[in-house]
Protein backbone atom coordinates (compact mmCIF):
# COMPACT_ATOMS: atom_id res chain seq x y z
CA UNK A 1 0.16 0.54 -0.30
CA UNK A 2 1.04 3.25 -0.98
CA UNK A 3 0.32 6.31 1.34
CA UNK A 4 -0.30 9.99 0.56
CA UNK A 5 0.18 13.26 2.39
CA UNK A 6 -2.11 16.54 1.38
CA UNK A 7 -0.69 19.56 2.58
CA UNK A 8 -1.83 22.00 0.34
CA UNK A 9 -4.40 25.56 0.13
CA UNK A 10 -3.17 28.54 1.55
CA UNK A 11 -4.12 27.74 5.00
CA UNK A 12 -6.11 31.26 4.99
CA UNK A 13 -8.09 30.13 8.32
CA UNK A 14 -4.30 30.92 10.19
CA UNK A 15 -3.07 33.89 8.34
CA UNK A 16 -0.42 35.77 9.37
CA UNK A 17 1.43 33.25 9.82
CA UNK A 18 1.30 31.59 7.21
CA UNK A 19 1.38 34.61 4.52
CA UNK A 20 4.95 32.72 4.13
CA UNK A 21 4.92 29.53 5.10
CA UNK A 22 2.65 25.80 4.54
CA UNK A 23 0.52 25.45 7.18
CA UNK A 24 1.51 21.92 7.25
CA UNK A 25 5.44 22.51 8.88
CA UNK A 26 3.95 25.22 11.67
CA UNK A 27 5.47 23.90 14.73
CA UNK A 28 2.69 21.62 16.95
CA UNK A 29 4.93 22.34 20.13
CA UNK A 30 8.55 20.75 19.66
CA UNK A 31 7.51 19.61 15.92
CA UNK A 32 6.56 20.10 12.17
CA UNK A 33 2.77 19.51 11.85
CA UNK A 34 3.50 17.76 9.40
CA UNK A 35 5.47 14.98 10.99
CA UNK A 36 2.25 14.04 12.40
CA UNK A 37 0.26 12.79 9.73
CA UNK A 38 3.75 11.33 8.30
CA UNK A 39 4.33 8.96 11.35
CA UNK A 40 0.64 8.09 11.25
CA UNK A 41 1.24 6.17 7.32
CA UNK A 42 5.00 5.16 9.28
CA UNK A 43 3.01 3.20 12.19
CA UNK A 44 0.91 1.54 9.48
CA UNK A 45 4.13 0.32 7.44
CA UNK A 46 3.80 2.45 4.84
CA UNK A 47 6.68 3.47 3.12
CA UNK A 48 6.07 4.85 -0.89
CA UNK A 49 4.56 8.74 0.67
CA UNK A 50 3.80 10.79 -1.65
CA UNK A 51 2.94 14.55 -0.35
CA UNK A 52 0.87 16.70 -2.38
CA UNK A 53 1.38 20.03 -1.68
CA UNK A 54 1.65 24.13 -3.64
CA UNK A 55 4.33 25.12 -6.13
CA UNK A 56 5.59 27.24 -3.73
CA UNK A 57 6.01 25.12 -0.52
CA UNK A 58 6.32 21.85 -2.04
CA UNK A 59 10.40 22.67 -1.99
CA UNK A 60 10.40 23.61 1.49
CA UNK A 61 8.98 19.71 2.23
CA UNK A 62 11.74 18.48 -0.19
CA UNK A 63 14.46 19.86 2.31
CA UNK A 64 13.09 18.90 5.19
CA UNK A 65 12.06 14.88 3.97
CA UNK A 66 14.48 15.07 1.24
CA UNK A 67 14.01 11.30 -0.66
CA UNK A 68 13.83 9.61 2.27
CA UNK A 69 16.53 6.87 2.49
CA UNK A 70 17.54 8.55 5.49
CA UNK A 71 14.65 6.77 7.02
CA UNK A 72 13.83 3.83 5.06
CA UNK A 73 10.88 5.53 3.24
CA UNK A 74 10.66 7.07 0.00
CA UNK A 75 9.35 10.40 -0.38
CA UNK A 76 7.54 11.71 -4.26
CA UNK A 77 6.18 15.38 -4.92
CA UNK A 78 3.29 16.31 -6.41
CA UNK A 79 2.34 19.96 -7.26
CA UNK A 80 -1.35 21.45 -6.47
CA UNK A 81 -1.68 24.26 -9.21
CA UNK A 82 -5.11 24.78 -7.40
CA UNK A 83 -7.15 22.41 -4.27
CA UNK A 84 -9.99 22.00 -5.77
CA UNK A 85 -11.36 18.90 -3.43
CA UNK A 86 -9.32 16.16 -0.97
CA UNK A 87 -10.52 13.83 -4.42
CA UNK A 88 -8.50 15.58 -6.22
CA UNK A 89 -5.57 14.62 -4.98
CA UNK A 90 -5.76 10.86 -6.36
CA UNK A 91 -6.06 12.43 -9.64
CA UNK A 92 -2.98 13.58 -8.88
CA UNK A 93 -1.43 11.12 -7.13
CA UNK A 94 -2.38 8.66 -10.54
CA UNK A 95 0.60 7.53 -11.44
CA UNK A 96 2.69 7.11 -7.96
CA UNK A 97 -0.56 4.86 -6.82
CA UNK A 98 -0.17 3.18 -9.74
CA UNK A 99 -3.05 0.77 -9.85
CA UNK A 100 -1.85 -0.29 -5.68
CA UNK A 101 -4.15 0.62 -2.75
CA UNK A 102 -3.34 3.59 -1.18
CA UNK A 103 -4.14 5.55 2.18
CA UNK A 104 -5.05 9.17 2.23
CA UNK A 105 -4.05 11.77 4.75
CA UNK A 106 -5.08 15.43 5.77
CA UNK A 107 -1.81 17.15 6.26
CA UNK A 108 -3.05 19.16 9.26
CA UNK A 109 -4.23 16.03 11.42
CA UNK A 110 -2.74 14.50 13.96
CA UNK A 111 -4.13 11.10 15.32
CA UNK A 112 -2.79 8.99 18.98
CA UNK A 113 -4.34 6.29 20.95
CA UNK A 114 -2.30 3.42 22.40
CA UNK A 115 -3.35 0.54 20.22
CA UNK A 116 -3.30 3.32 17.05
CA UNK A 117 -0.58 1.22 14.96
CA UNK A 118 -2.47 -2.25 15.52
CA UNK A 119 -5.62 -0.31 14.45
CA UNK A 120 -3.39 0.77 11.02
CA UNK A 121 -2.05 -1.96 10.74
CA UNK A 122 -5.33 -4.48 10.09
CA UNK A 123 -6.40 -1.72 7.61
CA UNK A 124 -3.59 -1.85 4.79
CA UNK A 125 -3.83 -5.50 4.74
CA UNK A 126 -7.95 -5.06 3.85
CA UNK A 127 -7.67 -4.87 -0.33
CA UNK A 128 -10.76 -4.46 -1.45
CA UNK A 129 -13.94 -1.09 -1.01
CA UNK A 130 -12.55 1.22 1.02
CA UNK A 131 -11.93 2.00 4.87
CA UNK A 132 -12.64 5.48 7.06
CA UNK A 133 -12.94 6.68 10.59
CA UNK A 134 -15.51 8.95 12.64
CA UNK A 135 -15.01 10.08 15.65
CA UNK A 136 -17.41 11.26 18.12
CA UNK A 137 -17.56 15.69 18.51
CA UNK A 138 -19.40 18.62 19.69
CA UNK A 139 -19.89 20.06 15.88
CA UNK A 140 -20.93 17.73 13.86
CA UNK A 141 -21.66 20.84 11.23
CA UNK A 142 -17.94 21.70 10.27
CA UNK A 143 -17.08 17.80 8.72
CA UNK A 144 -18.45 15.69 6.74
CA UNK A 145 -20.97 13.13 9.18
CA UNK A 146 -22.14 9.64 9.10
CA UNK A 147 -25.26 8.54 9.10
CA UNK A 148 -26.76 5.55 10.74
CA UNK A 149 -30.04 3.77 10.22
CA UNK A 150 -31.79 3.10 13.88
CA UNK A 151 -29.49 -0.79 14.38
CA UNK A 152 -26.72 2.25 14.19
CA UNK A 153 -25.78 0.57 10.83
CA UNK A 154 -23.80 2.69 7.97
CA UNK A 155 -26.57 4.15 5.84
CA UNK A 156 -24.61 7.45 4.08
CA UNK A 157 -22.75 10.44 4.86
CA UNK A 158 -22.96 13.85 4.22
CA UNK A 159 -20.37 16.76 3.91
CA UNK A 160 -20.51 20.26 6.50
CA UNK A 161 -24.89 19.59 6.88
CA UNK A 162 -26.60 22.04 8.57
CA UNK A 163 -28.83 19.55 10.93
CA UNK A 164 -25.98 16.47 11.52
CA UNK A 165 -27.31 13.32 11.39
CA UNK A 166 -25.21 12.20 14.04
CA UNK A 167 -21.99 13.27 15.98
CA UNK A 168 -19.51 11.24 14.27
CA UNK A 169 -17.15 13.28 11.95
CA UNK A 170 -15.30 11.39 9.54
CA UNK A 171 -12.11 12.06 9.77
CA UNK A 172 -9.24 13.08 7.69
CA UNK A 173 -7.64 9.38 6.94
CA UNK A 174 -9.16 7.31 4.02
CA UNK A 175 -8.04 4.10 3.23
CA UNK A 176 -9.15 2.82 -0.52
CA UNK A 177 -8.33 0.48 -3.43
CA UNK A 178 -6.69 0.84 -6.83
CA UNK A 179 -10.90 1.54 -7.82
CA UNK A 180 -10.36 5.60 -5.75
CA UNK A 181 -9.02 6.89 -9.01
CA UNK A 182 -11.33 5.88 -11.73
CA UNK A 183 -13.87 6.80 -8.61
CA UNK A 184 -12.59 10.18 -8.26
CA UNK A 185 -12.35 10.73 -12.40
CA UNK A 186 -16.18 9.55 -12.36
CA UNK A 187 -17.05 12.77 -9.86
CA UNK A 188 -18.46 16.07 -10.31
CA UNK A 189 -17.66 19.34 -8.29
CA UNK A 190 -19.62 19.67 -5.92
CA UNK A 191 -22.07 22.98 -5.49
CA UNK A 192 -18.24 24.35 -3.93
CA UNK A 193 -16.46 23.53 -7.38
CA UNK A 194 -15.07 20.69 -5.35
CA UNK A 195 -14.04 17.08 -5.67
CA UNK A 196 -15.76 16.18 -2.67
CA UNK A 197 -14.35 13.18 -0.63
CA UNK A 198 -17.58 12.60 0.11
CA UNK A 199 -19.02 12.16 -2.88
CA UNK A 200 -16.33 9.25 -2.82
CA UNK A 201 -16.97 7.51 0.61
CA UNK A 202 -21.03 7.18 -0.44
CA UNK A 203 -19.45 5.69 -4.02
CA UNK A 204 -18.20 2.95 -2.00
CA UNK A 205 -20.80 2.17 -0.04
CA UNK A 206 -23.70 2.14 -2.18
CA UNK A 207 -21.17 -0.42 -3.59
CA UNK A 208 -20.57 -2.21 -0.60
CA UNK A 209 -17.36 -2.03 -0.02
CA UNK A 210 -17.25 1.28 2.66
CA UNK A 211 -16.26 0.26 6.17
CA UNK A 212 -16.61 2.66 9.12
CA UNK A 213 -14.11 2.61 11.76
CA UNK A 214 -15.58 4.05 15.19
CA UNK A 215 -12.22 5.29 17.11
CA UNK A 216 -12.75 4.59 20.75
CA UNK A 217 -13.15 6.78 23.76
CA UNK A 218 -8.93 7.25 24.42
CA UNK A 219 -7.91 8.13 21.33
CA UNK A 220 -7.56 11.27 20.57
CA UNK A 221 -7.93 13.48 16.79
CA UNK A 222 -7.41 17.46 16.40
CA UNK A 223 -7.46 19.17 13.76
CA UNK A 224 -4.90 21.79 13.33
CA UNK A 225 -6.91 24.90 11.06
CA UNK A 226 -7.42 27.60 12.79
CA UNK A 227 -5.31 28.92 15.42
CA UNK A 228 -7.40 28.23 18.69
CA UNK A 229 -7.15 23.87 17.18
CA UNK A 230 -4.13 24.64 16.58
CA UNK A 231 -2.95 26.24 20.13
CA UNK A 232 -4.51 23.24 21.96
CA UNK A 233 -2.60 20.85 19.66
CA UNK A 234 0.62 22.16 20.65
CA UNK A 235 -1.42 21.57 24.28
CA UNK A 236 -2.14 18.30 23.86
CA UNK A 237 1.09 17.34 22.53
CA UNK A 238 3.48 18.98 25.78
CA UNK A 239 1.06 17.07 27.78
CA UNK A 240 1.07 13.72 27.00
CA UNK A 241 4.82 14.04 26.37
CA UNK A 242 6.12 16.05 29.44
CA UNK A 243 3.83 13.39 31.90
CA UNK A 244 4.50 10.04 29.73
CA UNK A 245 8.27 11.03 28.70
CA UNK A 246 7.51 9.87 25.25
CA UNK A 247 7.63 11.60 22.12
CA UNK A 248 4.70 11.96 19.57
CA UNK A 249 5.19 11.03 16.23
CA UNK A 250 8.89 10.93 16.40
CA UNK A 251 9.89 10.06 12.57
CA UNK A 252 13.71 7.66 13.42
CA UNK A 253 12.37 6.57 16.42
CA UNK A 254 9.71 5.23 14.19
CA UNK A 255 11.90 4.29 11.01
CA UNK A 256 14.20 2.25 13.76
CA UNK A 257 11.11 1.26 15.12
CA UNK A 258 9.63 -0.95 11.82
CA UNK A 259 12.79 -2.30 10.95
CA UNK A 260 13.73 0.76 8.46
CA UNK A 261 17.26 2.11 9.48
CA UNK A 262 20.30 0.30 12.72
CA UNK A 263 20.92 2.05 15.28
CA UNK A 264 24.14 3.59 13.61
CA UNK A 265 21.62 4.84 11.10
CA UNK A 266 19.16 6.60 14.40
CA UNK A 267 22.35 7.40 15.92
CA UNK A 268 23.84 9.49 13.37
CA UNK A 269 20.51 11.40 13.12
CA UNK A 270 20.03 12.00 16.66
CA UNK A 271 23.23 14.44 15.82
CA UNK A 272 22.11 16.36 13.70
CA UNK A 273 18.75 17.94 16.51
CA UNK A 274 22.04 18.65 18.43
CA UNK A 275 20.51 19.89 22.25
CA UNK A 276 17.39 20.15 21.31
CA UNK A 277 14.84 18.39 23.62
CA UNK A 278 14.47 16.21 20.82
CA UNK A 279 17.61 15.42 20.24
CA UNK A 280 18.01 14.41 23.62
CA UNK A 281 15.21 11.98 23.59
CA UNK A 282 16.46 10.55 20.45
CA UNK A 283 19.96 10.15 21.86
CA UNK A 284 18.37 9.10 25.37
CA UNK A 285 16.87 6.83 23.32
CA UNK A 286 19.73 5.28 21.37
CA UNK A 287 21.72 4.38 24.52
CA UNK A 288 18.57 2.58 26.47
CA UNK A 289 17.55 0.96 22.75
CA UNK A 290 18.84 -2.56 23.97
CA UNK A 291 17.40 -3.12 26.57
CA UNK A 292 13.43 -1.78 25.39
CA UNK A 293 10.90 -4.49 24.32
CA UNK A 294 9.01 -2.34 21.62
CA UNK A 295 4.32 -3.17 22.69
CA UNK A 296 3.34 -0.51 20.27
């Protein structure tokens, strides 16, 4: 399975912070925002990753990640000249997807939970149809929303409804089989002039090929599209890291745990962060790695 991070758009809701840089490069506490969605794909075991962004911002991501080789990954990059809906990503990525299954994650979404790795890896092994995730929220009208019948069976998905049929929002993480490109090609723009991911999900649902998984209590899904949300996400990450002594979305650590890089390579990566808290964490991890038992 391949992975896509959609990191385009102007980030206008975060002006003036995003006037000179990509939203997905803003810090969420101690690391760039894009580290968080990238870590989700890495937890799923996905190594071939396409980053889609604007012509102006794409070189910044290339400077940050390069080829991905030092993390045991393979990065590709694709320009999005004009944002025309989430589903546009599959048209831009057609050559990259090359008939395989794919996971798409939005570049401003953060996921965290103790059993996230196993949940994601189960999705990767599913090679027929689509999988989306529902998360209970207080303001569902801001999102795509899952419509359940009386037996709590999914009967539809609705984009930003004025009168939400449920409180379960669809998160910015999706898994699809090879059909997704042809489905996206046949979409018509919505009233907003966009190719809606909700329409993709509805088509899979009508085919009887859409799974909807609900995140259990204890999982965190954070969207960082506004100043308030960005601040809350940073505070959340800071609190978890300081209380538990871990790093959320430490991509070098994940690369080592996945067996994609050696301990020596990890140590070399730690050095470049020097005396930052991130670097000190990695150096301590390298020192203790020989005696660690990983239980993700």
